Amino acid sequence: MNLGVRWTLHGDGRTPAPGAVVRPDERLSWPRTAGLGAQHVVAMFGASFVAPVLMGLDPNLAIMMSGVATVIFLLATRGTVPSYLGCSLSFVGVAAAIRASGGTSATVTGAVFVVGGVLFLAGLAVRKFGARIIHAAMPPIVTGAVVMLIGFNLAPVTAATYWPQDQWTALLVMLFTGLAVVCLRGFWSRIAIFLGLIFGYAISWIFDLVFGKIHSTGPGGEVTDHWRLDLSGVSQADWVGLPSFHGPSFEWSAILVALPVVIALIAENAGHVKAVGEMTGDPLDDKLGTAIAADGAASMLSTAVGGPPNTTYSENIGVMAATRVYSTAAYWAAAGFALLFGLCPKFGAVVAAIPGGVLGGITVILYGMIGLLGAQIWINAKVDLRNPLNLVPAAAGIIIGVGGVKLTFTDTFELGGIALGTIVVITGYHVLRAFAPAHLKRQEPLLDSGTSSYEGGPTDDTNGTADGTGGRTGGGAGNGTDGGSRGPDTKNGGPTTRS
């Protein structure tokens, strides 16, 4: 059985010829492949570190499980879809909402485990029936609105939790990260969040030396005098050891809050598969169902042991676009490096010591980008917001999701925020469409701009014509909301930042 773990040497194994690309089933020499793998790990560092910290989960375990998830994905797709699976930022708002209602880390991972299961089933459905079923239930107006409310729902987290811890550091980090995203080129633009973290560490350390302790809200929520950068935990951490594991706990209220993120994850995977297919020149639409199912399975495994969910990363598409090396061997190397990092508690302690003000500056940009990806989906699909059939459900759902509107059913059960907003958008659109006059129900494009059509009907991974997919953002992977990401511009190597 072909598992995609055999590669032929490309040329002399050194440097691809001008204009040539290293295909997924090819590789360069092993030392160069290892170097490319390390580059992929660095590219995903920023978002993969920030996400578990924001979710209150162990960053060491997050990095380790991202390596495991990548291996699962590569085996499932049999080495045809080069991709790295990192911690999804789409769940940060979900985690914040669950914790705000008294949920624990086990409650968070339990809710996300269910989402991974639903994503896995969605992938199997796409393999069986094709992407048509996704577009029928979630046209671009619905997908865009849900992505938008997930991102903007995070605004209070930045405003109330991270920014007040050190407003001036947050401001400087925000400015630096923004400049890095916009002004840097090539590989450096792909790691703008990582560079923002390094800058924030340095500024916090300098401010501690110059101004001493800061009197502000600390990580625990109390107002005290404390150091901006506290590295005491780093010196106490071991160099080698296992991360902390815990089992999931399942609560219906938390599960309902988390389920809407399935929409964002499907969009991210669809955009990723399409982007990679365009870059390699090999149509990969027939692998969409497998990619979605593999992402779901990997997320279930990660959350089952206490880690965060995972999704495809557009930062790594940017690395491939810059290097023109699409070898899955490099991703196997990246997964190996991630596993090693996960076994270093000292490394995790450094990540856990990220100052709150630094997170404040980064999340201002990151959360806003997640929300605006919803608008990008609308733009790509040419959604007409002058049509009240589109405008009304999207407007109502976004305000409910962002404002935290709630419906209380009993003393122990209520719906609000992301969950209620998503229900209003999806059910509102389809109910209104059922009763709307004919002139408002003109056919909308079910596929986002730039994706292939589904003239051939259903498809699976072995035969048939591939269905197109929606939810593509930017010029490449929609990471979206994983990450608030913008897909890389494969023509000019424009910047991208994930979710």
Protein backbone atom coordinates (compact mmCIF):
# COMPACT_ATOMS: atom_id res chain seq x y z
CA MET A 1 0.00 0.00 0.00
CA ASN A 2 1.33 3.42 -0.98
CA LEU A 3 1.59 5.63 2.09
CA GLY A 4 3.51 8.42 0.38
CA VAL A 5 6.76 7.80 2.22
CA ARG A 6 8.91 7.05 -0.81
CA TRP A 7 10.55 9.92 -2.63
CA THR A 8 12.76 10.16 -5.69
CA LEU A 9 15.78 12.45 -5.62
CA HIS A 10 15.19 15.68 -7.50
CA GLY A 11 18.06 16.33 -9.87
CA ASP A 12 21.34 16.27 -8.01
CA GLY A 13 19.56 16.82 -4.70
CA ARG A 14 21.07 20.24 -4.26
CA THR A 15 19.27 23.11 -5.98
CA PRO A 16 16.24 22.88 -8.28
CA ALA A 17 16.86 24.07 -11.83
CA PRO A 18 15.58 27.57 -12.69
CA GLY A 19 11.80 27.43 -13.01
CA ALA A 20 11.64 23.84 -11.74
CA VAL A 21 9.70 22.71 -8.70
CA VAL A 22 10.33 19.85 -6.29
CA ARG A 23 7.14 17.83 -6.42
CA PRO A 24 5.49 16.20 -3.36
CA ASP A 25 6.90 12.77 -4.27
CA GLU A 26 10.42 14.16 -4.75
CA ARG A 27 13.03 15.38 -2.30
CA LEU A 28 16.35 17.14 -2.09
CA SER A 29 19.29 15.69 -0.18
CA TRP A 30 18.41 14.73 3.39
CA PRO A 31 20.43 17.54 5.00
CA ARG A 32 18.61 20.09 2.79
CA THR A 33 15.30 18.38 3.47
CA ALA A 34 15.94 18.63 7.21
CA GLY A 35 16.75 22.31 6.81
CA LEU A 36 13.49 22.90 4.95
CA GLY A 37 11.66 21.03 7.70
CA ALA A 38 13.17 23.31 10.32
CA GLN A 39 12.09 26.31 8.23
CA HIS A 40 8.51 25.01 8.20
CA VAL A 41 8.59 24.67 11.99
CA VAL A 42 9.80 28.26 12.40
CA ALA A 43 7.06 29.46 10.02
CA MET A 44 4.33 27.99 12.20
CA PHE A 45 5.97 28.96 15.52
CA GLY A 46 4.21 32.23 16.17
CA ALA A 47 0.59 31.17 15.80
CA SER A 48 1.12 27.66 17.17
CA PHE A 49 2.64 29.14 20.34
CA VAL A 50 0.13 31.92 20.76
CA ALA A 51 -2.96 29.75 20.24
CA PRO A 52 -2.50 27.28 23.14
CA VAL A 53 -1.42 30.10 25.46
CA LEU A 54 -4.60 32.04 24.61
CA MET A 55 -6.66 28.87 25.08
CA GLY A 56 -5.03 28.12 28.44
CA LEU A 57 -3.50 24.84 27.23
CA ASP A 58 0.03 23.43 27.44
CA PRO A 59 2.13 24.87 24.57
CA ASN A 60 4.56 21.96 24.77
CA LEU A 61 1.75 19.49 24.21
CA ALA A 62 0.39 21.69 21.42
CA ILE A 63 3.68 21.59 19.52
CA MET A 64 4.10 17.85 20.06
CA MET A 65 0.57 17.07 18.86
CA SER A 66 0.99 19.33 15.85
CA GLY A 67 3.79 16.99 14.78
CA VAL A 68 1.58 13.95 15.36
CA ALA A 69 -1.30 15.59 13.47
CA THR A 70 0.96 16.35 10.53
CA VAL A 71 2.03 12.70 10.35
CA ILE A 72 -1.63 11.58 10.39
CA PHE A 73 -2.49 14.04 7.63
CA LEU A 74 0.43 13.00 5.41
CA LEU A 75 -0.40 9.30 5.81
CA ALA A 76 -4.12 9.83 5.18
CA THR A 77 -3.53 11.84 2.00
CA ARG A 78 -0.75 9.40 0.97
CA GLY A 79 1.77 12.18 0.54
CA THR A 80 -0.17 14.02 -2.16
CA VAL A 81 -1.12 17.14 -0.15
CA PRO A 82 1.96 18.75 1.42
CA SER A 83 0.78 20.44 4.59
CA TYR A 84 1.64 21.18 8.20
CA LEU A 85 -1.14 20.96 10.78
CA GLY A 86 -0.72 23.46 13.59
CA CYS A 87 -2.86 24.69 16.47
CA SER A 88 -6.02 26.37 15.18
CA LEU A 89 -6.69 29.94 16.28
CA SER A 90 -10.32 29.52 15.25
CA PHE A 91 -11.00 28.02 18.69
CA VAL A 92 -9.54 30.85 20.78
CA GLY A 93 -12.88 32.62 21.05
CA VAL A 94 -14.60 29.34 21.86
CA ALA A 95 -12.11 28.60 24.64
CA ALA A 96 -12.55 32.11 26.06
CA ALA A 97 -16.34 31.76 26.06
CA ILE A 98 -16.25 28.33 27.71
CA ARG A 99 -13.85 29.50 30.42
CA ALA A 100 -15.91 32.64 31.03
CA SER A 101 -18.87 30.42 31.88
CA GLY A 102 -16.80 28.42 34.38
CA GLY A 103 -15.41 25.74 32.10
CA THR A 104 -12.02 24.10 32.68
CA SER A 105 -9.30 22.97 30.29
CA ALA A 106 -10.97 19.55 30.20
CA THR A 107 -14.27 21.20 29.23
CA VAL A 108 -12.54 23.10 26.43
CA THR A 109 -10.82 20.02 25.00
CA GLY A 110 -14.00 17.95 25.36
CA ALA A 111 -16.01 20.45 23.32
CA VAL A 112 -13.30 20.66 20.69
CA PHE A 113 -13.05 16.85 20.56
CA VAL A 114 -16.69 16.77 19.44
CA VAL A 115 -15.95 19.40 16.80
CA GLY A 116 -13.13 17.21 15.51
CA GLY A 117 -15.56 14.31 15.28
CA VAL A 118 -18.06 16.38 13.31
CA LEU A 119 -15.27 17.57 11.01
CA PHE A 120 -14.22 13.94 10.44
CA LEU A 121 -17.79 13.00 9.48
CA ALA A 122 -18.01 16.03 7.21
CA GLY A 123 -14.88 14.84 5.43
CA LEU A 124 -16.39 11.40 4.89
CA ALA A 125 -19.56 13.03 3.54
CA VAL A 126 -17.55 15.12 1.08
CA ARG A 127 -15.76 11.98 -0.11
CA LYS A 128 -19.11 10.30 -0.68
CA PHE A 129 -21.26 13.09 -2.08
CA GLY A 130 -18.86 15.82 -3.14
CA ALA A 131 -18.52 19.43 -1.99
CA ARG A 132 -22.01 20.27 -3.29
CA ILE A 133 -23.50 19.34 0.07
CA ILE A 134 -21.28 21.85 1.87
CA HIS A 135 -22.24 24.69 -0.44
CA ALA A 136 -25.93 23.88 -0.26
CA ALA A 137 -25.92 24.20 3.53
CA MET A 138 -23.28 26.93 3.86
CA PRO A 139 -23.20 29.34 0.93
CA PRO A 140 -20.60 32.15 1.08
CA ILE A 141 -22.93 34.58 2.87
CA VAL A 142 -23.25 32.08 5.74
CA THR A 143 -19.58 31.07 5.81
CA GLY A 144 -18.36 34.66 5.76
CA ALA A 145 -20.72 35.77 8.51
CA VAL A 146 -19.74 32.89 10.82
CA VAL A 147 -16.01 33.51 10.31
CA MET A 148 -16.56 37.21 10.98
CA LEU A 149 -18.47 36.75 14.22
CA ILE A 150 -15.92 34.21 15.48
CA GLY A 151 -13.11 36.73 14.97
CA PHE A 152 -14.81 39.83 16.29
CA ASN A 153 -16.19 37.95 19.30
CA LEU A 154 -12.58 37.93 20.53
CA ALA A 155 -12.30 41.72 20.79
CA PRO A 156 -13.27 41.88 24.49
CA VAL A 157 -10.56 39.30 25.31
CA THR A 158 -7.86 41.65 24.04
CA ALA A 159 -9.46 44.79 25.46
CA ALA A 160 -10.16 43.44 28.95
CA THR A 161 -7.50 40.77 29.50
CA TYR A 162 -4.25 41.36 27.62
CA TRP A 163 -3.98 45.03 26.66
CA PRO A 164 -4.46 46.41 30.23
CA GLN A 165 -1.53 44.35 31.53
CA ASP A 166 0.93 46.69 29.76
CA GLN A 167 -0.64 49.14 27.35
CA TRP A 168 2.58 50.72 26.09
CA THR A 169 4.27 47.41 25.34
CA ALA A 170 1.05 46.30 23.63
CA LEU A 171 1.04 49.44 21.49
CA LEU A 172 4.66 49.02 20.43
CA VAL A 173 4.21 45.32 19.65
CA MET A 174 1.11 46.10 17.62
CA LEU A 175 2.99 48.70 15.57
CA PHE A 176 6.02 46.44 15.07
CA THR A 177 3.93 43.42 14.06
CA GLY A 178 1.89 45.51 11.66
CA LEU A 179 5.03 46.84 10.01
CA ALA A 180 6.46 43.31 9.80
CA VAL A 181 3.33 41.97 8.11
CA VAL A 182 3.17 44.79 5.59
CA CYS A 183 6.78 45.73 4.89
CA LEU A 184 8.75 42.49 5.06
CA ARG A 185 8.99 40.20 2.06
CA GLY A 186 9.33 36.50 1.39
CA PHE A 187 10.00 34.17 4.29
CA TRP A 188 10.29 36.96 6.86
CA SER A 189 6.75 38.12 6.18
CA ARG A 190 5.55 34.57 6.86
CA ILE A 191 6.88 34.66 10.42
CA ALA A 192 5.71 38.18 11.31
CA ILE A 193 3.87 36.95 14.42
CA PHE A 194 6.99 35.11 15.57
CA LEU A 195 9.06 38.27 15.05
CA GLY A 196 6.45 40.24 16.99
CA LEU A 197 6.83 37.83 19.91
CA ILE A 198 10.62 38.22 19.91
CA PHE A 199 10.30 42.01 19.74
CA GLY A 200 7.80 41.93 22.61
CA TYR A 201 10.13 39.85 24.77
CA ALA A 202 12.96 42.29 24.13
CA ILE A 203 10.87 45.40 24.84
CA SER A 204 9.46 43.90 28.04
CA TRP A 205 12.95 43.03 29.25
CA ILE A 206 14.24 46.55 28.47
CA PHE A 207 11.26 48.20 30.18
CA ASP A 208 11.84 46.07 33.28
CA LEU A 209 15.48 47.23 33.39
CA VAL A 210 14.66 50.89 32.82
CA PHE A 211 11.35 51.38 34.65
CA GLY A 212 11.25 48.48 37.09
CA LYS A 213 8.06 46.62 37.95
CA ILE A 214 4.75 47.68 36.46
CA HIS A 215 1.62 48.30 38.54
CA SER A 216 -1.16 46.71 36.50
CA THR A 217 -3.40 43.70 36.08
CA GLY A 218 -1.31 40.55 36.24
CA PRO A 219 -1.81 37.18 34.56
CA GLY A 220 -4.03 36.10 37.44
CA GLY A 221 -6.36 39.09 37.03
CA GLU A 222 -5.30 40.94 40.18
CA VAL A 223 -3.72 44.40 40.15
CA THR A 224 -0.20 44.16 41.61
CA ASP A 225 3.37 45.28 41.12
CA HIS A 226 5.00 42.64 38.91
CA TRP A 227 7.71 42.16 36.32
CA ARG A 228 6.60 42.34 32.72
CA LEU A 229 8.83 39.41 31.78
CA ASP A 230 9.03 36.70 34.43
CA LEU A 231 11.40 33.90 33.40
CA SER A 232 11.58 32.22 36.82
CA GLY A 233 9.68 29.23 35.48
CA VAL A 234 12.25 28.71 32.71
CA SER A 235 15.13 28.11 35.10
CA GLN A 236 13.06 25.62 37.06
CA ALA A 237 11.89 23.63 34.02
CA ASP A 238 13.68 20.47 32.89
CA TRP A 239 15.36 20.15 29.53
CA VAL A 240 13.71 16.80 28.77
CA GLY A 241 10.29 15.59 29.87
CA LEU A 242 6.75 14.86 28.82
CA PRO A 243 4.16 17.62 28.56
CA SER A 244 1.12 17.59 30.82
CA PHE A 245 -1.80 15.44 29.64
CA HIS A 246 -5.44 15.47 30.66
CA GLY A 247 -8.64 13.83 29.48
CA PRO A 248 -11.61 15.70 27.97
CA SER A 249 -14.85 16.47 29.78
CA PHE A 250 -18.11 16.80 27.84
CA GLU A 251 -20.75 19.44 28.56
CA TRP A 252 -23.54 20.25 26.13
CA SER A 253 -23.35 23.99 26.72
CA ALA A 254 -19.66 24.04 25.81
CA ILE A 255 -20.16 21.76 22.81
CA LEU A 256 -22.83 24.04 21.36
CA VAL A 257 -20.49 27.01 21.69
CA ALA A 258 -17.70 25.16 19.85
CA LEU A 259 -19.66 23.53 17.00
CA PRO A 260 -19.86 26.62 14.72
CA VAL A 261 -16.09 26.49 14.24
CA VAL A 262 -16.62 23.45 12.00
CA ILE A 263 -17.65 25.89 9.28
CA ALA A 264 -14.36 27.78 9.54
CA LEU A 265 -12.31 24.58 9.53
CA ILE A 266 -14.00 23.28 6.39
CA ALA A 267 -13.29 26.61 4.71
CA GLU A 268 -9.64 26.50 5.79
CA ASN A 269 -9.08 22.99 4.49
CA ALA A 270 -10.85 23.73 1.23
CA GLY A 271 -8.72 26.79 0.61
CA HIS A 272 -5.54 24.93 1.52
CA VAL A 273 -6.16 21.99 -0.81
CA LYS A 274 -7.08 24.29 -3.68
CA ALA A 275 -4.04 26.52 -3.15
CA VAL A 276 -1.62 23.59 -3.03
CA GLY A 277 -3.17 22.13 -6.16
CA GLU A 278 -2.69 25.40 -8.02
CA MET A 279 0.91 25.73 -6.86
CA THR A 280 1.95 22.17 -7.73
CA GLY A 281 -0.04 22.02 -10.95
CA ASP A 282 -1.83 18.84 -9.81
CA PRO A 283 -5.61 19.05 -9.27
CA LEU A 284 -6.20 17.93 -5.69
CA ASP A 285 -9.93 18.52 -5.38
CA ASP A 286 -10.48 14.76 -5.17
CA LYS A 287 -8.45 14.83 -1.95
CA LEU A 288 -10.64 17.43 -0.24
CA GLY A 289 -12.79 14.91 1.65
CA THR A 290 -9.74 13.00 2.84
CA ALA A 291 -8.00 16.21 3.95
CA ILE A 292 -11.02 17.34 5.97
CA ALA A 293 -11.44 13.90 7.55
CA ALA A 294 -7.73 13.70 8.38
CA ASP A 295 -7.85 17.11 10.04
CA GLY A 296 -10.82 15.96 12.11
CA ALA A 297 -9.14 12.72 13.15
CA ALA A 298 -5.92 14.52 14.10
CA SER A 299 -7.85 17.08 16.17
CA MET A 300 -9.71 14.31 17.97
CA LEU A 301 -6.45 12.59 18.89
CA SER A 302 -4.87 15.84 20.08
CA THR A 303 -7.81 16.92 22.23
CA ALA A 304 -8.22 13.40 23.64
CA VAL A 305 -4.91 13.83 25.49
CA GLY A 306 -5.42 17.49 26.44
CA GLY A 307 -3.97 19.26 23.41
CA PRO A 308 -5.57 21.87 21.14
CA PRO A 309 -7.24 21.17 17.78
CA ASN A 310 -5.23 21.44 14.58
CA THR A 311 -5.73 22.76 11.08
CA THR A 312 -3.76 23.32 7.88
CA TYR A 313 -1.39 26.28 8.03
CA SER A 314 -1.10 28.93 5.34
CA GLU A 315 2.25 30.10 6.71
CA ASN A 316 3.72 26.86 5.41
CA ILE A 317 2.12 27.38 2.01
CA GLY A 318 4.04 30.64 1.98
CA VAL A 319 7.30 28.78 2.61
CA MET A 320 6.53 26.45 -0.30
CA ALA A 321 5.67 29.36 -2.56
CA ALA A 322 8.97 31.05 -1.72
CA THR A 323 11.15 27.94 -2.08
CA ARG A 324 9.16 26.07 -4.80
CA VAL A 325 9.84 22.91 -2.81
CA TYR A 326 6.62 20.94 -2.24
CA SER A 327 8.25 17.76 -0.99
CA THR A 328 6.28 15.99 1.72
CA ALA A 329 9.62 14.70 3.02
CA ALA A 330 10.24 18.22 4.36
CA TYR A 331 6.98 18.02 6.31
CA TRP A 332 7.97 14.69 7.81
CA ALA A 333 11.17 16.41 8.97
CA ALA A 334 9.12 19.30 10.37
CA ALA A 335 6.91 16.86 12.28
CA GLY A 336 10.02 15.26 13.77
CA PHE A 337 11.36 18.61 14.96
CA ALA A 338 7.97 19.46 16.51
CA LEU A 339 7.98 16.20 18.45
CA LEU A 340 11.43 17.01 19.82
CA PHE A 341 10.36 20.52 20.88
CA GLY A 342 7.35 19.01 22.65
CA LEU A 343 9.67 16.91 24.79
CA CYS A 344 11.52 19.99 26.10
CA PRO A 345 9.67 21.51 29.10
CA LYS A 346 12.15 24.40 29.22
CA PHE A 347 11.05 25.38 25.73
CA GLY A 348 7.42 25.35 26.85
CA ALA A 349 8.27 27.50 29.87
CA VAL A 350 9.72 30.16 27.58
CA VAL A 351 6.46 30.18 25.59
CA ALA A 352 4.33 30.28 28.73
CA ALA A 353 6.27 33.36 29.93
CA ILE A 354 5.01 35.55 27.07
CA PRO A 355 4.08 38.87 28.75
CA GLY A 356 0.42 39.84 28.68
CA GLY A 357 1.17 43.16 27.02
CA VAL A 358 2.91 41.34 24.16
CA LEU A 359 -0.17 39.18 23.63
CA GLY A 360 -2.27 42.33 23.71
CA GLY A 361 -0.37 43.90 20.84
CA ILE A 362 -0.40 40.75 18.72
CA THR A 363 -4.03 39.81 19.32
CA VAL A 364 -5.29 43.25 18.30
CA ILE A 365 -4.07 42.47 14.78
CA LEU A 366 -4.64 38.73 14.85
CA TYR A 367 -8.25 38.78 16.04
CA GLY A 368 -9.14 41.58 13.65
CA MET A 369 -7.66 39.65 10.74
CA ILE A 370 -9.72 36.58 11.69
CA GLY A 371 -12.90 38.63 11.57
CA LEU A 372 -12.06 40.37 8.32
CA LEU A 373 -11.49 37.03 6.63
CA GLY A 374 -15.27 36.75 6.67
CA ALA A 375 -15.46 39.89 4.59
CA GLN A 376 -12.80 38.45 2.26
CA ILE A 377 -14.99 35.39 1.70
CA TRP A 378 -17.86 37.68 0.74
CA ILE A 379 -15.67 39.64 -1.65
CA ASN A 380 -14.28 36.52 -3.33
CA ALA A 381 -17.78 35.11 -3.78
CA LYS A 382 -19.21 38.48 -4.90
CA VAL A 383 -21.92 38.31 -2.23
CA ASP A 384 -24.54 41.04 -2.78
CA LEU A 385 -25.23 42.67 0.58
CA ARG A 386 -27.85 44.89 -1.03
CA ASN A 387 -30.03 41.80 -1.17
CA PRO A 388 -31.99 41.64 2.12
CA LEU A 389 -31.95 37.85 1.93
CA ASN A 390 -28.19 38.06 2.49
CA LEU A 391 -28.10 41.17 4.62
CA VAL A 392 -30.68 40.39 7.32
CA PRO A 393 -29.45 37.01 8.64
CA ALA A 394 -25.79 38.05 8.43
CA ALA A 395 -26.41 41.36 10.21
CA ALA A 396 -28.46 39.77 12.99
CA GLY A 397 -26.08 36.85 13.53
CA ILE A 398 -22.96 39.02 13.65
CA ILE A 399 -24.41 41.42 16.21
CA ILE A 400 -25.58 38.50 18.36
CA GLY A 401 -22.18 36.80 18.12
CA VAL A 402 -20.08 39.90 18.72
CA GLY A 403 -22.31 41.47 21.35
CA GLY A 404 -22.78 38.31 23.38
CA VAL A 405 -26.60 38.31 23.13
CA LYS A 406 -28.06 35.36 25.05
CA LEU A 407 -31.22 33.27 25.18
CA THR A 408 -31.81 31.73 28.61
CA PHE A 409 -33.83 28.50 28.57
CA THR A 410 -33.27 27.23 32.11
CA ASP A 411 -31.09 28.08 35.08
CA THR A 412 -28.41 25.77 33.74
CA PHE A 413 -28.73 26.15 29.97
CA GLU A 414 -28.46 29.17 27.71
CA LEU A 415 -27.39 29.96 24.17
CA GLY A 416 -25.41 33.05 23.30
CA GLY A 417 -22.46 34.56 21.50
CA ILE A 418 -20.87 32.45 18.80
CA ALA A 419 -23.31 29.53 19.09
CA LEU A 420 -26.50 31.61 18.93
CA GLY A 421 -25.09 33.92 16.25
CA THR A 422 -24.22 30.96 14.03
CA ILE A 423 -27.65 29.38 14.48
CA VAL A 424 -29.32 32.67 13.53
CA VAL A 425 -27.17 33.06 10.41
CA ILE A 426 -27.67 29.52 9.11
CA THR A 427 -31.32 28.97 9.99
CA GLY A 428 -32.24 32.57 9.26
CA TYR A 429 -30.79 32.41 5.75
CA HIS A 430 -32.51 29.15 4.81
CA VAL A 431 -35.86 30.04 6.39
CA LEU A 432 -35.91 33.46 4.74
CA ARG A 433 -34.90 31.91 1.43
CA ALA A 434 -37.84 29.52 1.63
CA PHE A 435 -40.29 32.43 1.91
CA ALA A 436 -38.48 35.08 -0.15
CA PRO A 437 -39.88 36.21 -3.52
CA ALA A 438 -38.26 34.79 -6.62
CA HIS A 439 -36.33 37.95 -7.55
CA LEU A 440 -34.39 37.78 -4.27
CA LYS A 441 -33.44 34.14 -4.78
CA ARG A 442 -31.36 34.56 -7.90
CA GLN A 443 -28.65 31.95 -8.05
CA GLU A 444 -25.54 32.85 -6.10
CA PRO A 445 -22.16 31.34 -6.96
CA LEU A 446 -21.75 28.39 -4.64
CA LEU A 447 -18.00 28.37 -5.17
CA ASP A 448 -15.65 31.10 -4.12
CA SER A 449 -13.77 32.93 -6.82
CA GLY A 450 -10.87 30.94 -8.19
CA THR A 451 -12.06 27.46 -7.24
CA SER A 452 -12.95 24.78 -9.75
CA SER A 453 -16.49 23.88 -10.71
CA TYR A 454 -18.31 20.71 -9.79
CA GLU A 455 -19.73 19.83 -13.16
CA GLY A 456 -18.86 16.18 -12.67
CA GLY A 457 -21.00 15.65 -9.59
CA PRO A 458 -19.92 13.69 -6.53
CA THR A 459 -16.42 12.45 -6.11
CA ASP A 460 -14.27 10.40 -3.78
CA ASP A 461 -10.56 9.90 -3.51
CA THR A 462 -10.27 7.22 -6.13
CA ASN A 463 -12.44 8.25 -9.04
CA GLY A 464 -14.81 10.81 -10.46
CA THR A 465 -14.47 14.50 -11.10
CA ALA A 466 -13.40 16.71 -8.22
CA ASP A 467 -15.88 19.09 -6.71
CA GLY A 468 -14.88 22.66 -6.09
CA THR A 469 -14.88 24.04 -2.65
CA GLY A 470 -15.80 27.25 -0.92
CA GLY A 471 -14.36 29.20 1.94
CA ARG A 472 -11.14 30.07 0.19
CA THR A 473 -9.53 33.21 1.50
CA GLY A 474 -6.83 35.38 0.07
CA GLY A 475 -4.71 33.76 -2.57
CA GLY A 476 -4.16 30.50 -0.76
CA ALA A 477 -5.21 28.66 2.32
CA GLY A 478 -7.99 30.13 4.34
CA ASN A 479 -6.41 29.66 7.87
CA GLY A 480 -8.04 31.32 8.87
CA THR A 481 -9.88 31.86 11.29
CA ASP A 482 -7.40 29.44 12.20
CA GLY A 483 -5.41 31.52 12.74
CA GLY A 484 -6.85 34.59 11.20
CA SER A 485 -4.82 33.98 8.23
CA ARG A 486 -4.51 35.34 4.81
CA GLY A 487 -3.50 32.92 2.14
CA PRO A 488 -0.19 33.67 0.49
CA ASP A 489 -0.03 35.56 -2.73
CA THR A 490 1.84 33.02 -4.80
CA LYS A 491 2.80 35.62 -7.38
CA ASN A 492 4.61 38.06 -5.20
CA GLY A 493 5.03 36.23 -1.91
CA GLY A 494 2.81 38.63 -0.03
CA PRO A 495 2.65 38.36 3.74
CA THR A 496 0.42 36.00 5.61
CA THR A 497 -0.45 35.56 9.22
CA ARG A 498 -2.33 32.71 10.77
CA SER A 499 -4.99 31.65 12.79
